Amino acid sequence: MTTEIKRKLNVEVNGITIECAAQARVLDAINEAGFDVPTLCYDERTGPQGTCRMCLVEVEVEGKTQQVAACTAFASDGMQVATHSDEIVDYRKTILELLLSETSSPTACPKCISFKNANCTSCRTI
């Protein structure tokens, strides 16, 4: 009997099924499907941290739904991901409001320190 290692996963993101690498994180699958989620603590140079919780998404695997940080959670075959449910969007807004309440300039983005940077996913959330 030969054990075959699966190199690709099928993941559904907001109704779009994509194929991603077996070791992909949920954030990678989301980006591959053409969607964005805000990330404050994630930096490609240092890897995922999962501390800001801005990339929180809902995932369903084998009928069980849970919320995970997309930057730290690994994708699994057959996983369904919802990036912008009302509950998740409200959660992200609350996190940003708390972060901005601690800054001297409550209208500046805490990630890119600018005002409405079109290339920053966090600015687009504000």
N, C-alpha and C. Protein backbone atom coordinates (compact mmCIF):
# COMPACT_ATOMS: atom_id res chain seq x y z
N MET A 1 0.83 -1.18 0.00
CA MET A 1 0.00 0.00 0.00
C MET A 1 0.88 1.25 0.00
N THR A 2 0.63 2.13 -0.92
CA THR A 2 1.42 3.35 -1.06
C THR A 2 0.66 4.52 -0.46
N THR A 3 1.35 5.29 0.34
CA THR A 3 0.75 6.49 0.90
C THR A 3 1.08 7.65 -0.01
N GLU A 4 0.06 8.29 -0.52
CA GLU A 4 0.25 9.42 -1.43
C GLU A 4 0.13 10.72 -0.64
N ILE A 5 1.12 11.58 -0.77
CA ILE A 5 1.09 12.87 -0.09
C ILE A 5 0.36 13.86 -0.98
N LYS A 6 -0.68 14.45 -0.44
CA LYS A 6 -1.45 15.43 -1.19
C LYS A 6 -0.72 16.76 -1.19
N ARG A 7 -0.49 17.30 -2.35
CA ARG A 7 0.26 18.54 -2.47
C ARG A 7 -0.63 19.76 -2.66
N LYS A 8 -1.90 19.55 -2.96
CA LYS A 8 -2.83 20.66 -3.18
C LYS A 8 -4.10 20.45 -2.36
N LEU A 9 -4.68 21.56 -1.93
CA LEU A 9 -5.93 21.55 -1.18
C LEU A 9 -6.98 22.33 -1.95
N ASN A 10 -8.22 21.91 -1.85
CA ASN A 10 -9.34 22.69 -2.37
C ASN A 10 -9.96 23.45 -1.21
N VAL A 11 -9.97 24.76 -1.31
CA VAL A 11 -10.52 25.63 -0.27
C VAL A 11 -11.51 26.58 -0.92
N GLU A 12 -12.65 26.78 -0.27
CA GLU A 12 -13.66 27.70 -0.78
C GLU A 12 -13.61 28.99 0.03
N VAL A 13 -13.39 30.09 -0.66
CA VAL A 13 -13.32 31.41 -0.01
C VAL A 13 -14.45 32.26 -0.57
N ASN A 14 -15.38 32.63 0.29
CA ASN A 14 -16.53 33.45 -0.11
C ASN A 14 -17.21 32.89 -1.36
N GLY A 15 -17.34 31.57 -1.42
CA GLY A 15 -18.03 30.93 -2.53
C GLY A 15 -17.17 30.60 -3.74
N ILE A 16 -15.91 31.00 -3.72
CA ILE A 16 -15.00 30.72 -4.83
C ILE A 16 -14.04 29.61 -4.41
N THR A 17 -14.04 28.52 -5.17
CA THR A 17 -13.15 27.40 -4.86
C THR A 17 -11.81 27.61 -5.55
N ILE A 18 -10.75 27.49 -4.75
CA ILE A 18 -9.40 27.63 -5.28
C ILE A 18 -8.58 26.42 -4.86
N GLU A 19 -7.47 26.24 -5.53
CA GLU A 19 -6.53 25.19 -5.18
C GLU A 19 -5.30 25.87 -4.60
N CYS A 20 -4.88 25.41 -3.43
CA CYS A 20 -3.70 26.03 -2.81
C CYS A 20 -2.75 24.93 -2.31
N ALA A 21 -1.55 25.34 -1.97
CA ALA A 21 -0.53 24.40 -1.50
C ALA A 21 -0.98 23.75 -0.19
N ALA A 22 -0.51 22.54 0.04
CA ALA A 22 -0.90 21.77 1.22
C ALA A 22 -0.52 22.46 2.53
N GLN A 23 0.52 23.24 2.55
CA GLN A 23 0.96 23.91 3.78
C GLN A 23 0.55 25.39 3.81
N ALA A 24 -0.41 25.77 2.99
CA ALA A 24 -0.83 27.17 2.92
C ALA A 24 -1.60 27.57 4.18
N ARG A 25 -1.42 28.79 4.55
CA ARG A 25 -2.22 29.35 5.64
C ARG A 25 -3.53 29.86 5.04
N VAL A 26 -4.51 30.05 5.89
CA VAL A 26 -5.81 30.54 5.43
C VAL A 26 -5.65 31.89 4.74
N LEU A 27 -4.77 32.75 5.25
CA LEU A 27 -4.53 34.06 4.64
C LEU A 27 -4.03 33.91 3.20
N ASP A 28 -3.17 32.93 2.95
CA ASP A 28 -2.68 32.68 1.59
C ASP A 28 -3.83 32.29 0.67
N ALA A 29 -4.71 31.42 1.14
CA ALA A 29 -5.86 30.99 0.34
C ALA A 29 -6.78 32.16 0.04
N ILE A 30 -6.99 33.02 1.02
CA ILE A 30 -7.84 34.21 0.83
C ILE A 30 -7.25 35.11 -0.25
N ASN A 31 -5.96 35.36 -0.15
CA ASN A 31 -5.30 36.21 -1.15
C ASN A 31 -5.32 35.57 -2.53
N GLU A 32 -5.10 34.25 -2.59
CA GLU A 32 -5.13 33.55 -3.87
C GLU A 32 -6.51 33.63 -4.53
N ALA A 33 -7.55 33.67 -3.71
CA ALA A 33 -8.92 33.76 -4.23
C ALA A 33 -9.27 35.18 -4.65
N GLY A 34 -8.37 36.14 -4.36
CA GLY A 34 -8.59 37.52 -4.79
C GLY A 34 -9.27 38.40 -3.77
N PHE A 35 -9.28 37.97 -2.50
CA PHE A 35 -9.90 38.76 -1.44
C PHE A 35 -8.83 39.31 -0.51
N ASP A 36 -9.19 40.36 0.20
CA ASP A 36 -8.29 40.97 1.19
C ASP A 36 -8.94 40.90 2.56
N VAL A 37 -8.12 40.69 3.56
CA VAL A 37 -8.53 40.90 4.94
C VAL A 37 -7.46 41.78 5.57
N PRO A 38 -7.85 42.65 6.49
CA PRO A 38 -6.85 43.53 7.11
C PRO A 38 -5.89 42.74 7.99
N THR A 39 -4.65 43.17 7.99
CA THR A 39 -3.63 42.57 8.85
C THR A 39 -2.81 43.70 9.45
N LEU A 40 -2.70 43.72 10.75
CA LEU A 40 -1.86 44.73 11.40
C LEU A 40 -0.53 44.13 11.82
N CYS A 41 -0.55 42.96 12.42
CA CYS A 41 0.68 42.38 12.96
C CYS A 41 1.43 41.52 11.96
N TYR A 42 0.78 41.09 10.89
CA TYR A 42 1.43 40.20 9.92
C TYR A 42 2.43 40.97 9.07
N ASP A 43 3.61 40.40 8.96
CA ASP A 43 4.66 40.96 8.12
C ASP A 43 5.37 39.79 7.46
N GLU A 44 5.44 39.79 6.14
CA GLU A 44 6.06 38.68 5.41
C GLU A 44 7.49 38.41 5.85
N ARG A 45 8.18 39.45 6.33
CA ARG A 45 9.58 39.29 6.74
C ARG A 45 9.72 38.50 8.03
N THR A 46 8.71 38.58 8.90
CA THR A 46 8.81 37.92 10.20
C THR A 46 7.84 36.76 10.37
N GLY A 47 6.90 36.64 9.45
CA GLY A 47 5.92 35.56 9.55
C GLY A 47 4.72 35.95 10.39
N PRO A 48 3.79 35.03 10.53
CA PRO A 48 2.54 35.34 11.23
C PRO A 48 2.74 35.47 12.74
N GLN A 49 1.98 36.39 13.33
CA GLN A 49 2.01 36.59 14.78
C GLN A 49 0.66 36.23 15.41
N GLY A 50 -0.42 36.65 14.76
CA GLY A 50 -1.76 36.36 15.27
C GLY A 50 -2.17 37.19 16.46
N THR A 51 -1.44 38.25 16.75
CA THR A 51 -1.72 39.01 17.97
C THR A 51 -2.77 40.10 17.81
N CYS A 52 -2.92 40.66 16.63
CA CYS A 52 -3.86 41.78 16.48
C CYS A 52 -5.30 41.31 16.26
N ARG A 53 -5.48 40.12 15.73
CA ARG A 53 -6.80 39.51 15.46
C ARG A 53 -7.59 40.22 14.37
N MET A 54 -6.97 41.13 13.65
CA MET A 54 -7.67 41.83 12.57
C MET A 54 -8.00 40.90 11.41
N CYS A 55 -7.24 39.85 11.22
CA CYS A 55 -7.47 38.94 10.10
C CYS A 55 -8.42 37.80 10.47
N LEU A 56 -9.15 37.96 11.56
CA LEU A 56 -10.09 36.93 11.98
C LEU A 56 -11.11 36.65 10.88
N VAL A 57 -11.34 35.37 10.60
CA VAL A 57 -12.31 34.93 9.60
C VAL A 57 -13.08 33.74 10.18
N GLU A 58 -14.20 33.43 9.54
CA GLU A 58 -14.97 32.25 9.93
C GLU A 58 -14.60 31.12 8.98
N VAL A 59 -14.28 29.95 9.54
CA VAL A 59 -14.00 28.79 8.72
C VAL A 59 -14.94 27.66 9.12
N GLU A 60 -15.31 26.88 8.12
CA GLU A 60 -16.13 25.69 8.37
C GLU A 60 -15.38 24.48 7.83
N VAL A 61 -15.19 23.51 8.71
CA VAL A 61 -14.53 22.26 8.33
C VAL A 61 -15.37 21.12 8.89
N GLU A 62 -15.80 20.24 8.01
CA GLU A 62 -16.61 19.07 8.40
C GLU A 62 -17.82 19.48 9.24
N GLY A 63 -18.49 20.56 8.83
CA GLY A 63 -19.71 21.00 9.49
C GLY A 63 -19.52 21.80 10.76
N LYS A 64 -18.29 22.02 11.18
CA LYS A 64 -18.02 22.80 12.39
C LYS A 64 -17.47 24.17 12.00
N THR A 65 -18.12 25.22 12.52
CA THR A 65 -17.70 26.59 12.21
C THR A 65 -16.96 27.17 13.40
N GLN A 66 -15.86 27.86 13.11
CA GLN A 66 -15.12 28.56 14.16
C GLN A 66 -14.45 29.79 13.57
N GLN A 67 -14.02 30.67 14.46
CA GLN A 67 -13.30 31.86 14.04
C GLN A 67 -11.81 31.62 14.28
N VAL A 68 -11.00 31.95 13.27
CA VAL A 68 -9.56 31.76 13.38
C VAL A 68 -8.83 32.98 12.84
N ALA A 69 -7.61 33.18 13.31
CA ALA A 69 -6.75 34.21 12.74
C ALA A 69 -6.20 33.65 11.43
N ALA A 70 -6.53 34.29 10.32
CA ALA A 70 -6.16 33.77 9.00
C ALA A 70 -4.65 33.70 8.80
N CYS A 71 -3.90 34.55 9.49
CA CYS A 71 -2.45 34.56 9.29
C CYS A 71 -1.76 33.38 9.97
N THR A 72 -2.38 32.78 10.98
CA THR A 72 -1.73 31.68 11.70
C THR A 72 -2.34 30.32 11.41
N ALA A 73 -3.61 30.26 11.03
CA ALA A 73 -4.30 28.99 10.81
C ALA A 73 -3.93 28.39 9.46
N PHE A 74 -3.74 27.10 9.43
CA PHE A 74 -3.45 26.41 8.17
C PHE A 74 -4.75 26.02 7.48
N ALA A 75 -4.75 26.12 6.17
CA ALA A 75 -5.91 25.70 5.37
C ALA A 75 -5.99 24.18 5.39
N SER A 76 -7.21 23.67 5.21
CA SER A 76 -7.40 22.23 5.11
C SER A 76 -8.31 21.93 3.93
N ASP A 77 -8.19 20.73 3.40
CA ASP A 77 -8.95 20.35 2.23
C ASP A 77 -10.45 20.40 2.53
N GLY A 78 -11.20 21.07 1.67
CA GLY A 78 -12.65 21.19 1.84
C GLY A 78 -13.08 22.31 2.76
N MET A 79 -12.14 23.07 3.30
CA MET A 79 -12.46 24.18 4.20
C MET A 79 -13.25 25.25 3.46
N GLN A 80 -14.23 25.83 4.15
CA GLN A 80 -14.98 26.96 3.63
C GLN A 80 -14.64 28.17 4.49
N VAL A 81 -14.31 29.28 3.84
CA VAL A 81 -13.88 30.49 4.55
C VAL A 81 -14.82 31.64 4.21
N ALA A 82 -15.26 32.35 5.24
CA ALA A 82 -16.05 33.58 5.06
C ALA A 82 -15.25 34.73 5.65
N THR A 83 -14.92 35.70 4.82
CA THR A 83 -14.03 36.77 5.26
C THR A 83 -14.73 38.02 5.78
N HIS A 84 -15.99 38.23 5.41
CA HIS A 84 -16.63 39.50 5.76
C HIS A 84 -18.06 39.34 6.25
N SER A 85 -18.29 38.38 7.13
CA SER A 85 -19.63 38.26 7.73
C SER A 85 -19.86 39.50 8.60
N ASP A 86 -21.11 39.80 8.88
CA ASP A 86 -21.43 40.97 9.70
C ASP A 86 -20.72 40.91 11.05
N GLU A 87 -20.71 39.73 11.66
CA GLU A 87 -20.07 39.57 12.97
C GLU A 87 -18.57 39.85 12.90
N ILE A 88 -17.91 39.34 11.87
CA ILE A 88 -16.46 39.54 11.72
C ILE A 88 -16.14 41.01 11.45
N VAL A 89 -16.91 41.65 10.58
CA VAL A 89 -16.68 43.07 10.27
C VAL A 89 -16.86 43.92 11.53
N ASP A 90 -17.91 43.66 12.31
CA ASP A 90 -18.12 44.40 13.56
C ASP A 90 -16.97 44.17 14.53
N TYR A 91 -16.47 42.95 14.60
CA TYR A 91 -15.35 42.62 15.47
C TYR A 91 -14.11 43.44 15.07
N ARG A 92 -13.82 43.47 13.77
CA ARG A 92 -12.65 44.23 13.29
C ARG A 92 -12.79 45.72 13.60
N LYS A 93 -13.97 46.26 13.41
CA LYS A 93 -14.20 47.69 13.70
C LYS A 93 -13.96 47.97 15.17
N THR A 94 -14.41 47.09 16.04
CA THR A 94 -14.20 47.27 17.48
C THR A 94 -12.72 47.25 17.82
N ILE A 95 -11.98 46.31 17.24
CA ILE A 95 -10.53 46.25 17.48
C ILE A 95 -9.87 47.55 17.04
N LEU A 96 -10.21 48.03 15.85
CA LEU A 96 -9.62 49.28 15.36
C LEU A 96 -9.97 50.46 16.25
N GLU A 97 -11.21 50.52 16.68
CA GLU A 97 -11.62 51.61 17.57
C GLU A 97 -10.81 51.59 18.86
N LEU A 98 -10.58 50.41 19.42
CA LEU A 98 -9.78 50.30 20.63
C LEU A 98 -8.33 50.72 20.37
N LEU A 99 -7.77 50.28 19.26
CA LEU A 99 -6.39 50.66 18.93
C LEU A 99 -6.27 52.16 18.69
N LEU A 100 -7.21 52.72 17.95
CA LEU A 100 -7.15 54.14 17.64
C LEU A 100 -7.40 55.01 18.86
N SER A 101 -8.12 54.49 19.85
CA SER A 101 -8.37 55.27 21.06
C SER A 101 -7.09 55.45 21.87
N GLU A 102 -6.08 54.63 21.59
CA GLU A 102 -4.80 54.71 22.30
C GLU A 102 -3.76 55.54 21.57
N THR A 103 -4.10 56.10 20.41
CA THR A 103 -3.12 56.86 19.64
C THR A 103 -3.34 58.35 19.81
N SER A 104 -2.30 59.12 19.53
CA SER A 104 -2.42 60.58 19.63
C SER A 104 -3.16 61.16 18.43
N SER A 105 -3.20 60.40 17.34
CA SER A 105 -3.91 60.85 16.14
C SER A 105 -4.92 59.78 15.76
N PRO A 106 -6.14 59.86 16.29
CA PRO A 106 -7.11 58.79 16.11
C PRO A 106 -7.58 58.56 14.69
N THR A 107 -7.17 59.41 13.74
CA THR A 107 -7.57 59.16 12.36
C THR A 107 -6.45 58.54 11.53
N ALA A 108 -5.26 58.40 12.12
CA ALA A 108 -4.14 57.78 11.40
C ALA A 108 -4.18 56.27 11.59
N CYS A 109 -3.85 55.57 10.55
CA CYS A 109 -3.82 54.11 10.59
C CYS A 109 -2.63 53.65 11.45
N PRO A 110 -2.85 52.74 12.39
CA PRO A 110 -1.75 52.29 13.24
C PRO A 110 -0.73 51.41 12.52
N LYS A 111 -1.08 50.92 11.33
CA LYS A 111 -0.16 50.05 10.59
C LYS A 111 0.77 50.85 9.69
N CYS A 112 0.20 51.74 8.88
CA CYS A 112 1.04 52.45 7.91
C CYS A 112 1.25 53.92 8.29
N ILE A 113 0.65 54.36 9.38
CA ILE A 113 0.79 55.72 9.91
C ILE A 113 0.45 56.77 8.85
N SER A 114 -0.58 56.51 8.09
CA SER A 114 -1.00 57.49 7.11
C SER A 114 -2.50 57.70 7.23
N PHE A 115 -3.02 58.44 6.32
CA PHE A 115 -4.45 58.72 6.32
C PHE A 115 -5.05 58.20 5.02
N LYS A 116 -5.84 57.15 5.12
CA LYS A 116 -6.55 56.58 3.97
C LYS A 116 -5.62 56.17 2.82
N ASN A 117 -4.62 55.37 3.13
CA ASN A 117 -3.73 54.80 2.12
C ASN A 117 -4.49 53.70 1.37
N ALA A 118 -4.73 53.87 0.10
CA ALA A 118 -5.53 52.92 -0.69
C ALA A 118 -4.89 51.54 -0.78
N ASN A 119 -3.59 51.44 -0.54
CA ASN A 119 -2.90 50.15 -0.63
C ASN A 119 -2.86 49.40 0.70
N CYS A 120 -3.33 50.01 1.76
CA CYS A 120 -3.28 49.41 3.10
C CYS A 120 -4.65 48.80 3.43
N THR A 121 -4.67 47.48 3.73
CA THR A 121 -5.94 46.83 4.04
C THR A 121 -6.55 47.38 5.32
N SER A 122 -5.72 47.82 6.25
CA SER A 122 -6.25 48.39 7.49
C SER A 122 -6.90 49.73 7.24
N CYS A 123 -6.29 50.57 6.39
CA CYS A 123 -6.89 51.87 6.05
C CYS A 123 -8.24 51.68 5.37
N ARG A 124 -8.34 50.66 4.54
CA ARG A 124 -9.62 50.42 3.86
C ARG A 124 -10.69 49.97 4.84
N THR A 125 -10.29 49.43 5.99
CA THR A 125 -11.25 49.00 7.00
C THR A 125 -11.75 50.16 7.83
N ILE A 126 -10.89 51.17 8.03
CA ILE A 126 -11.23 52.30 8.90
C ILE A 126 -12.40 53.07 8.35
